[in-house]
């Protein structure tokens, strides 16, 4: 089994991994949000917030996206996240959070 498959063994984006990913994405989270299909109005609302240009904005975006994912469908969630990260040239981040 490869490392990237191990991420899915529990929850691809549990709160701890989601925070770690948000910190790695930082203030440059908007392209990832768009790639994940987060609605433009949600992105705008997060950007307008006091912490929209920090990793906290990234966390809020990831939280909003995670809430739209089907419960129990970890494989689809993993694939959506992996695909979005590839689209924004941040595919290495899935591996970086895998063992955390």
N, C-alpha and C. Protein backbone atom coordinates (compact mmCIF):
# COMPACT_ATOMS: atom_id res chain seq x y z
N UNK A 1 0.85 -1.17 0.00
CA UNK A 1 0.00 0.00 0.00
C UNK A 1 0.90 1.24 0.00
N UNK A 2 0.58 2.19 -0.83
CA UNK A 2 1.39 3.40 -0.90
C UNK A 2 0.95 4.39 0.16
N UNK A 3 1.81 5.36 0.41
CA UNK A 3 1.55 6.33 1.46
C UNK A 3 0.26 7.09 1.22
N UNK A 4 0.02 7.50 -0.04
CA UNK A 4 -1.18 8.30 -0.29
C UNK A 4 -2.46 7.52 -0.04
N UNK A 5 -2.42 6.21 -0.10
CA UNK A 5 -3.60 5.42 0.23
C UNK A 5 -3.82 5.37 1.74
N UNK A 6 -2.76 5.49 2.51
CA UNK A 6 -2.89 5.44 3.95
C UNK A 6 -3.68 6.62 4.49
N UNK A 7 -3.67 7.73 3.79
CA UNK A 7 -4.42 8.90 4.24
C UNK A 7 -5.87 8.54 4.44
N UNK A 8 -6.39 7.70 3.59
CA UNK A 8 -7.80 7.38 3.61
C UNK A 8 -8.18 6.37 4.68
N UNK A 9 -7.21 5.80 5.36
CA UNK A 9 -7.53 4.75 6.31
C UNK A 9 -8.51 5.19 7.39
N UNK A 10 -8.49 6.46 7.74
CA UNK A 10 -9.44 6.95 8.74
C UNK A 10 -10.34 8.00 8.09
N UNK A 11 -9.83 9.19 7.99
CA UNK A 11 -10.59 10.28 7.42
C UNK A 11 -9.61 11.17 6.68
N UNK A 12 -9.78 11.29 5.37
CA UNK A 12 -8.86 12.06 4.55
C UNK A 12 -8.67 13.46 5.10
N UNK A 13 -9.69 14.02 5.66
CA UNK A 13 -9.59 15.40 6.11
C UNK A 13 -10.22 15.55 7.50
N UNK A 14 -9.66 14.81 8.46
CA UNK A 14 -10.09 15.03 9.83
C UNK A 14 -9.64 16.44 10.21
N UNK A 15 -10.09 16.95 11.33
CA UNK A 15 -9.80 18.34 11.69
C UNK A 15 -8.31 18.63 11.76
N UNK A 16 -7.55 17.70 12.27
CA UNK A 16 -6.10 17.89 12.40
C UNK A 16 -5.43 18.01 11.02
N UNK A 17 -5.77 17.10 10.12
CA UNK A 17 -5.20 17.15 8.78
C UNK A 17 -5.70 18.36 8.01
N UNK A 18 -6.96 18.73 8.24
CA UNK A 18 -7.51 19.88 7.56
C UNK A 18 -6.75 21.14 7.99
N UNK A 19 -6.44 21.27 9.27
CA UNK A 19 -5.69 22.42 9.76
C UNK A 19 -4.28 22.41 9.18
N UNK A 20 -3.65 21.26 9.14
CA UNK A 20 -2.31 21.14 8.58
C UNK A 20 -2.31 21.55 7.10
N UNK A 21 -3.29 21.06 6.36
CA UNK A 21 -3.39 21.41 4.94
C UNK A 21 -3.64 22.91 4.78
N UNK A 22 -4.50 23.47 5.61
CA UNK A 22 -4.79 24.91 5.55
C UNK A 22 -3.53 25.71 5.79
N UNK A 23 -2.72 25.30 6.75
CA UNK A 23 -1.48 26.02 7.04
C UNK A 23 -0.50 25.93 5.88
N UNK A 24 -0.47 24.79 5.20
CA UNK A 24 0.42 24.63 4.05
C UNK A 24 -0.06 25.43 2.85
N UNK A 25 -1.37 25.55 2.68
CA UNK A 25 -1.93 26.33 1.57
C UNK A 25 -1.80 27.82 1.89
N UNK A 26 -2.04 28.18 3.14
CA UNK A 26 -1.90 29.57 3.56
C UNK A 26 -2.92 30.50 2.93
N UNK A 27 -2.52 31.73 2.70
CA UNK A 27 -3.42 32.74 2.17
C UNK A 27 -3.76 32.54 0.70
N UNK A 28 -3.07 31.62 0.03
CA UNK A 28 -3.31 31.37 -1.40
C UNK A 28 -4.30 30.22 -1.58
N UNK A 29 -5.42 30.31 -0.89
CA UNK A 29 -6.38 29.20 -0.87
C UNK A 29 -7.48 29.34 -1.92
N UNK A 30 -7.69 30.54 -2.46
CA UNK A 30 -8.82 30.75 -3.37
C UNK A 30 -8.80 29.83 -4.59
N UNK A 31 -7.66 29.66 -5.29
CA UNK A 31 -7.66 28.73 -6.43
C UNK A 31 -8.05 27.30 -6.04
N UNK A 32 -7.60 26.86 -4.87
CA UNK A 32 -7.96 25.52 -4.41
C UNK A 32 -9.46 25.45 -4.15
N UNK A 33 -10.01 26.48 -3.54
CA UNK A 33 -11.45 26.52 -3.29
C UNK A 33 -12.25 26.41 -4.58
N UNK A 34 -11.80 27.14 -5.59
CA UNK A 34 -12.50 27.08 -6.89
C UNK A 34 -12.36 25.69 -7.51
N UNK A 35 -11.17 25.10 -7.40
CA UNK A 35 -10.95 23.76 -7.95
C UNK A 35 -11.79 22.71 -7.22
N UNK A 36 -12.06 22.95 -5.94
CA UNK A 36 -12.90 22.02 -5.17
C UNK A 36 -14.39 22.26 -5.41
N UNK A 37 -14.72 23.34 -6.10
CA UNK A 37 -16.12 23.62 -6.39
C UNK A 37 -16.85 24.37 -5.29
N UNK A 38 -16.07 25.03 -4.41
CA UNK A 38 -16.71 25.85 -3.38
C UNK A 38 -17.39 27.02 -4.09
N UNK A 39 -18.65 27.28 -3.79
CA UNK A 39 -19.39 28.34 -4.49
C UNK A 39 -18.70 29.70 -4.36
N UNK A 40 -18.79 30.49 -5.42
CA UNK A 40 -18.16 31.81 -5.45
C UNK A 40 -18.62 32.70 -4.30
N UNK A 41 -19.90 32.62 -3.95
CA UNK A 41 -20.38 33.46 -2.85
C UNK A 41 -19.76 33.06 -1.51
N UNK A 42 -19.51 31.77 -1.34
CA UNK A 42 -18.85 31.28 -0.12
C UNK A 42 -17.39 31.77 -0.09
N UNK A 43 -16.72 31.69 -1.23
CA UNK A 43 -15.35 32.17 -1.32
C UNK A 43 -15.29 33.66 -1.02
N UNK A 44 -16.20 34.42 -1.61
CA UNK A 44 -16.23 35.87 -1.38
C UNK A 44 -16.46 36.20 0.09
N UNK A 45 -17.35 35.47 0.72
CA UNK A 45 -17.64 35.71 2.14
C UNK A 45 -16.41 35.44 3.00
N UNK A 46 -15.69 34.37 2.70
CA UNK A 46 -14.49 34.04 3.46
C UNK A 46 -13.41 35.10 3.22
N UNK A 47 -13.25 35.51 1.96
CA UNK A 47 -12.24 36.53 1.63
C UNK A 47 -12.51 37.85 2.34
N UNK A 48 -13.76 38.19 2.49
CA UNK A 48 -14.13 39.45 3.11
C UNK A 48 -13.94 39.44 4.62
N UNK A 49 -13.84 38.26 5.19
CA UNK A 49 -13.65 38.14 6.64
C UNK A 49 -12.28 38.63 7.06
N UNK A 50 -12.13 38.91 8.32
CA UNK A 50 -10.89 39.45 8.87
C UNK A 50 -9.69 38.52 8.63
N UNK A 51 -9.93 37.23 8.58
CA UNK A 51 -8.83 36.27 8.42
C UNK A 51 -8.83 35.61 7.05
N UNK A 52 -9.49 36.23 6.08
CA UNK A 52 -9.63 35.64 4.75
C UNK A 52 -8.33 35.48 3.98
N UNK A 53 -7.31 36.25 4.34
CA UNK A 53 -6.05 36.16 3.60
C UNK A 53 -5.00 35.35 4.36
N UNK A 54 -5.42 34.58 5.34
CA UNK A 54 -4.51 33.76 6.14
C UNK A 54 -4.87 32.29 5.99
N UNK A 55 -4.12 31.45 6.69
CA UNK A 55 -4.44 30.02 6.67
C UNK A 55 -5.83 29.77 7.26
N UNK A 56 -6.31 30.69 8.10
CA UNK A 56 -7.65 30.52 8.68
C UNK A 56 -8.72 30.62 7.59
N UNK A 57 -8.47 31.43 6.59
CA UNK A 57 -9.38 31.48 5.44
C UNK A 57 -9.37 30.15 4.70
N UNK A 58 -8.17 29.58 4.57
CA UNK A 58 -8.05 28.27 3.92
C UNK A 58 -8.82 27.22 4.72
N UNK A 59 -8.69 27.29 6.05
CA UNK A 59 -9.40 26.33 6.90
C UNK A 59 -10.92 26.47 6.72
N UNK A 60 -11.41 27.70 6.71
CA UNK A 60 -12.85 27.92 6.54
C UNK A 60 -13.32 27.39 5.18
N UNK A 61 -12.51 27.59 4.14
CA UNK A 61 -12.86 27.09 2.81
C UNK A 61 -12.90 25.57 2.82
N UNK A 62 -11.87 24.94 3.40
CA UNK A 62 -11.84 23.47 3.46
C UNK A 62 -13.01 22.93 4.28
N UNK A 63 -13.33 23.62 5.35
CA UNK A 63 -14.46 23.21 6.19
C UNK A 63 -15.76 23.27 5.38
N UNK A 64 -15.96 24.36 4.66
CA UNK A 64 -17.16 24.51 3.83
C UNK A 64 -17.23 23.41 2.78
N UNK A 65 -16.09 23.11 2.16
CA UNK A 65 -16.06 22.06 1.15
C UNK A 65 -16.35 20.69 1.77
N UNK A 66 -15.71 20.42 2.89
CA UNK A 66 -15.89 19.11 3.54
C UNK A 66 -17.36 18.87 3.89
N UNK A 67 -18.07 19.92 4.27
CA UNK A 67 -19.48 19.78 4.64
C UNK A 67 -20.34 19.35 3.45
N UNK A 68 -19.85 19.57 2.24
CA UNK A 68 -20.62 19.20 1.05
C UNK A 68 -20.33 17.77 0.59
N UNK A 69 -19.35 17.13 1.20
CA UNK A 69 -18.97 15.78 0.78
C UNK A 69 -19.87 14.74 1.41
N UNK A 70 -20.17 13.71 0.64
CA UNK A 70 -21.03 12.63 1.12
C UNK A 70 -20.37 11.92 2.29
N UNK A 71 -21.10 11.76 3.35
CA UNK A 71 -20.60 11.09 4.54
C UNK A 71 -20.29 9.62 4.22
N UNK A 72 -19.12 9.19 4.62
CA UNK A 72 -18.74 7.80 4.42
C UNK A 72 -18.13 7.49 3.07
N UNK A 73 -18.08 8.47 2.16
CA UNK A 73 -17.51 8.22 0.85
C UNK A 73 -16.09 8.78 0.80
N UNK A 74 -15.22 8.20 1.61
CA UNK A 74 -13.85 8.69 1.73
C UNK A 74 -13.09 8.62 0.41
N UNK A 75 -13.34 7.61 -0.39
CA UNK A 75 -12.62 7.46 -1.65
C UNK A 75 -12.93 8.63 -2.58
N UNK A 76 -14.19 9.02 -2.68
CA UNK A 76 -14.57 10.15 -3.52
C UNK A 76 -13.99 11.45 -2.98
N UNK A 77 -13.98 11.60 -1.66
CA UNK A 77 -13.41 12.80 -1.04
C UNK A 77 -11.92 12.87 -1.34
N UNK A 78 -11.23 11.76 -1.19
CA UNK A 78 -9.79 11.72 -1.48
C UNK A 78 -9.54 12.10 -2.93
N UNK A 79 -10.29 11.52 -3.84
CA UNK A 79 -10.07 11.79 -5.26
C UNK A 79 -10.35 13.24 -5.60
N UNK A 80 -11.41 13.81 -5.03
CA UNK A 80 -11.74 15.21 -5.30
C UNK A 80 -10.62 16.12 -4.78
N UNK A 81 -10.12 15.85 -3.58
CA UNK A 81 -9.06 16.67 -3.02
C UNK A 81 -7.78 16.51 -3.83
N UNK A 82 -7.43 15.30 -4.15
CA UNK A 82 -6.21 15.04 -4.94
C UNK A 82 -6.29 15.76 -6.29
N UNK A 83 -7.42 15.66 -6.95
CA UNK A 83 -7.60 16.30 -8.25
C UNK A 83 -7.49 17.82 -8.14
N UNK A 84 -8.13 18.39 -7.13
CA UNK A 84 -8.09 19.84 -6.95
C UNK A 84 -6.66 20.31 -6.65
N UNK A 85 -5.95 19.57 -5.81
CA UNK A 85 -4.58 19.94 -5.50
C UNK A 85 -3.69 19.86 -6.73
N UNK A 86 -3.93 18.88 -7.59
CA UNK A 86 -3.17 18.78 -8.84
C UNK A 86 -3.47 19.97 -9.74
N UNK A 87 -4.72 20.38 -9.79
CA UNK A 87 -5.11 21.51 -10.64
C UNK A 87 -4.40 22.80 -10.25
N UNK A 88 -4.10 22.95 -8.98
CA UNK A 88 -3.46 24.19 -8.51
C UNK A 88 -1.97 23.96 -8.20
N UNK A 89 -1.40 22.91 -8.77
CA UNK A 89 0.02 22.59 -8.62
C UNK A 89 0.46 22.44 -7.18
N UNK A 90 -0.38 21.80 -6.38
CA UNK A 90 -0.05 21.55 -4.98
C UNK A 90 -0.27 20.07 -4.62
N UNK A 91 -0.08 19.19 -5.61
CA UNK A 91 -0.34 17.76 -5.40
C UNK A 91 0.51 17.17 -4.29
N UNK A 92 1.70 17.73 -4.06
CA UNK A 92 2.59 17.20 -3.03
C UNK A 92 1.99 17.32 -1.64
N UNK A 93 1.04 18.23 -1.45
CA UNK A 93 0.47 18.44 -0.12
C UNK A 93 -0.30 17.22 0.37
N UNK A 94 -0.91 16.46 -0.51
CA UNK A 94 -1.65 15.27 -0.08
C UNK A 94 -0.68 14.28 0.56
N UNK A 95 0.52 14.20 0.02
CA UNK A 95 1.53 13.30 0.58
C UNK A 95 2.06 13.85 1.90
N UNK A 96 2.19 15.17 1.99
CA UNK A 96 2.74 15.79 3.19
C UNK A 96 1.82 15.62 4.39
N UNK A 97 0.51 15.54 4.18
CA UNK A 97 -0.39 15.36 5.30
C UNK A 97 -0.72 13.90 5.56
N UNK A 98 -0.26 13.01 4.69
CA UNK A 98 -0.60 11.59 4.77
C UNK A 98 -0.17 10.95 6.09
N UNK A 99 1.02 11.25 6.53
CA UNK A 99 1.57 10.58 7.70
C UNK A 99 1.42 11.40 8.97
N UNK A 100 0.66 12.45 8.92
CA UNK A 100 0.53 13.34 10.09
C UNK A 100 -0.59 12.89 10.99
